[in-house]
Amino acid sequence: MGFRRMFVVRVLRALTKVNESDRVALSFYMGCGGKLLREYRGFRRKAKPRKLDIPPIKEFLSG
């Protein structure tokens, strides 16, 4: 359509894993030359805290 730029916002539901449709979408965006500009992670306080091992988003694309 002649756009010079396009921005996409993708909300991932889980912090420690990515479902298959999110993985496909992220791979498509990167395959089209997309770049990850910003990554925001939100947390909510839980009654029973647990340690989270949260990998960088680019690790989800390697598989």
N, C-alpha and C. Protein backbone atom coordinates (compact mmCIF):
# COMPACT_ATOMS: atom_id res chain seq x y z
N MET A 1 0.81 -1.19 0.00
CA MET A 1 0.00 0.00 0.00
C MET A 1 0.86 1.26 0.00
N GLY A 2 2.17 1.11 -0.06
CA GLY A 2 3.04 2.26 -0.12
C GLY A 2 3.42 2.86 1.22
N PHE A 3 3.15 2.17 2.31
CA PHE A 3 3.52 2.70 3.62
C PHE A 3 5.03 2.68 3.78
N ARG A 4 5.57 3.71 4.39
CA ARG A 4 6.99 3.73 4.68
C ARG A 4 7.29 3.00 5.99
N ARG A 5 6.34 3.04 6.91
CA ARG A 5 6.50 2.38 8.20
C ARG A 5 5.17 1.80 8.65
N MET A 6 5.31 0.79 9.48
CA MET A 6 4.12 0.19 10.07
C MET A 6 4.51 -0.29 11.46
N PHE A 7 3.65 -0.06 12.42
CA PHE A 7 3.89 -0.50 13.78
C PHE A 7 2.86 -1.55 14.16
N VAL A 8 3.31 -2.59 14.82
CA VAL A 8 2.44 -3.68 15.25
C VAL A 8 2.61 -3.85 16.75
N VAL A 9 1.51 -3.97 17.45
CA VAL A 9 1.54 -4.25 18.88
C VAL A 9 1.00 -5.66 19.06
N ARG A 10 1.78 -6.48 19.71
CA ARG A 10 1.36 -7.86 19.97
C ARG A 10 1.38 -8.08 21.48
N VAL A 11 0.27 -8.50 22.03
CA VAL A 11 0.17 -8.76 23.46
C VAL A 11 0.30 -10.26 23.69
N LEU A 12 1.34 -10.65 24.40
CA LEU A 12 1.57 -12.06 24.72
C LEU A 12 0.98 -12.33 26.10
N ARG A 13 0.24 -13.39 26.23
CA ARG A 13 -0.48 -13.65 27.48
C ARG A 13 0.40 -14.20 28.58
N ALA A 14 1.40 -14.96 28.24
CA ALA A 14 2.25 -15.58 29.27
C ALA A 14 3.63 -14.93 29.27
N LEU A 15 4.24 -14.89 30.44
CA LEU A 15 5.56 -14.29 30.55
C LEU A 15 6.68 -15.26 30.21
N THR A 16 6.50 -16.53 30.51
CA THR A 16 7.60 -17.48 30.37
C THR A 16 7.49 -18.39 29.15
N LYS A 17 6.39 -18.32 28.42
CA LYS A 17 6.24 -19.15 27.22
C LYS A 17 5.36 -18.42 26.20
N VAL A 18 5.47 -18.83 24.96
CA VAL A 18 4.71 -18.21 23.87
C VAL A 18 3.93 -19.32 23.18
N ASN A 19 2.62 -19.09 22.95
CA ASN A 19 1.85 -20.12 22.27
C ASN A 19 2.21 -20.13 20.77
N GLU A 20 1.78 -21.15 20.07
CA GLU A 20 2.19 -21.35 18.68
C GLU A 20 1.76 -20.20 17.77
N SER A 21 0.56 -19.67 17.94
CA SER A 21 0.12 -18.58 17.05
C SER A 21 0.95 -17.31 17.28
N ASP A 22 1.34 -17.04 18.52
CA ASP A 22 2.23 -15.90 18.79
C ASP A 22 3.61 -16.12 18.17
N ARG A 23 4.12 -17.34 18.27
CA ARG A 23 5.43 -17.67 17.69
C ARG A 23 5.41 -17.47 16.17
N VAL A 24 4.35 -17.93 15.52
CA VAL A 24 4.21 -17.77 14.07
C VAL A 24 4.14 -16.29 13.71
N ALA A 25 3.35 -15.53 14.45
CA ALA A 25 3.21 -14.10 14.17
C ALA A 25 4.54 -13.37 14.36
N LEU A 26 5.24 -13.64 15.45
CA LEU A 26 6.53 -12.99 15.69
C LEU A 26 7.54 -13.34 14.60
N SER A 27 7.56 -14.61 14.19
CA SER A 27 8.46 -15.03 13.11
C SER A 27 8.12 -14.32 11.80
N PHE A 28 6.83 -14.17 11.53
CA PHE A 28 6.40 -13.47 10.31
C PHE A 28 6.86 -12.01 10.33
N TYR A 29 6.64 -11.33 11.45
CA TYR A 29 7.05 -9.92 11.55
C TYR A 29 8.55 -9.77 11.35
N MET A 30 9.33 -10.63 11.99
CA MET A 30 10.79 -10.55 11.85
C MET A 30 11.23 -10.94 10.44
N GLY A 31 10.55 -11.91 9.83
CA GLY A 31 10.88 -12.33 8.48
C GLY A 31 10.60 -11.25 7.44
N CYS A 32 9.67 -10.36 7.75
CA CYS A 32 9.36 -9.25 6.84
C CYS A 32 10.26 -8.04 7.08
N GLY A 33 11.27 -8.22 7.91
CA GLY A 33 12.17 -7.12 8.19
C GLY A 33 11.83 -6.32 9.42
N GLY A 34 10.89 -6.83 10.21
CA GLY A 34 10.49 -6.12 11.42
C GLY A 34 11.58 -6.12 12.47
N LYS A 35 11.54 -5.13 13.33
CA LYS A 35 12.49 -5.02 14.43
C LYS A 35 11.71 -4.83 15.71
N LEU A 36 12.22 -5.41 16.77
CA LEU A 36 11.62 -5.23 18.08
C LEU A 36 12.10 -3.89 18.62
N LEU A 37 11.18 -2.93 18.71
CA LEU A 37 11.54 -1.60 19.18
C LEU A 37 11.48 -1.49 20.69
N ARG A 38 10.41 -1.99 21.27
CA ARG A 38 10.21 -1.91 22.71
C ARG A 38 9.55 -3.19 23.21
N GLU A 39 9.87 -3.52 24.41
CA GLU A 39 9.25 -4.67 25.04
C GLU A 39 8.85 -4.26 26.45
N TYR A 40 7.59 -4.41 26.76
CA TYR A 40 7.07 -4.08 28.08
C TYR A 40 6.58 -5.36 28.73
N ARG A 41 6.96 -5.55 29.95
CA ARG A 41 6.48 -6.72 30.69
C ARG A 41 5.77 -6.24 31.94
N GLY A 42 4.58 -6.74 32.14
CA GLY A 42 3.81 -6.35 33.31
C GLY A 42 3.72 -7.50 34.28
N PHE A 43 3.68 -7.17 35.51
CA PHE A 43 3.58 -8.18 36.55
C PHE A 43 2.45 -7.78 37.50
N ARG A 44 1.83 -8.75 38.06
CA ARG A 44 0.85 -8.45 39.10
C ARG A 44 1.30 -9.17 40.37
N ARG A 45 1.01 -8.58 41.45
CA ARG A 45 1.43 -9.14 42.74
C ARG A 45 0.56 -10.34 43.07
N LYS A 46 1.20 -11.44 43.40
CA LYS A 46 0.47 -12.66 43.75
C LYS A 46 0.54 -12.89 45.26
N ALA A 47 -0.46 -13.58 45.77
CA ALA A 47 -0.49 -13.89 47.20
C ALA A 47 0.68 -14.82 47.57
N LYS A 48 1.02 -15.74 46.67
CA LYS A 48 2.12 -16.67 46.89
C LYS A 48 3.18 -16.41 45.82
N PRO A 49 4.18 -15.57 46.12
CA PRO A 49 5.18 -15.24 45.10
C PRO A 49 5.99 -16.46 44.67
N ARG A 50 6.46 -16.42 43.43
CA ARG A 50 7.32 -17.49 42.92
C ARG A 50 8.39 -16.86 42.04
N LYS A 51 9.50 -17.55 41.94
CA LYS A 51 10.60 -17.06 41.13
C LYS A 51 10.27 -17.31 39.66
N LEU A 52 10.47 -16.30 38.82
CA LEU A 52 10.21 -16.43 37.40
C LEU A 52 11.50 -16.36 36.62
N ASP A 53 11.68 -17.29 35.71
CA ASP A 53 12.81 -17.27 34.79
C ASP A 53 12.27 -16.80 33.45
N ILE A 54 12.42 -15.52 33.15
CA ILE A 54 11.81 -14.93 31.96
C ILE A 54 12.89 -14.69 30.90
N PRO A 55 12.88 -15.48 29.83
CA PRO A 55 13.88 -15.31 28.77
C PRO A 55 13.56 -14.10 27.89
N PRO A 56 14.56 -13.56 27.20
CA PRO A 56 14.31 -12.47 26.25
C PRO A 56 13.37 -12.94 25.14
N ILE A 57 12.58 -12.03 24.60
CA ILE A 57 11.58 -12.38 23.57
C ILE A 57 12.22 -13.00 22.33
N LYS A 58 13.45 -12.61 22.00
CA LYS A 58 14.09 -13.16 20.81
C LYS A 58 14.38 -14.65 20.94
N GLU A 59 14.46 -15.17 22.16
CA GLU A 59 14.65 -16.60 22.34
C GLU A 59 13.44 -17.40 21.87
N PHE A 60 12.27 -16.80 21.86
CA PHE A 60 11.07 -17.48 21.41
C PHE A 60 11.08 -17.71 19.91
N LEU A 61 11.87 -16.94 19.18
CA LEU A 61 11.91 -17.04 17.73
C LEU A 61 12.90 -18.10 17.25
N SER A 62 13.81 -18.53 18.10
CA SER A 62 14.85 -19.46 17.67
C SER A 62 14.31 -20.87 17.44
N GLY A 63 13.17 -21.20 18.03
CA GLY A 63 12.62 -22.57 17.90
C GLY A 63 11.67 -22.62 16.82
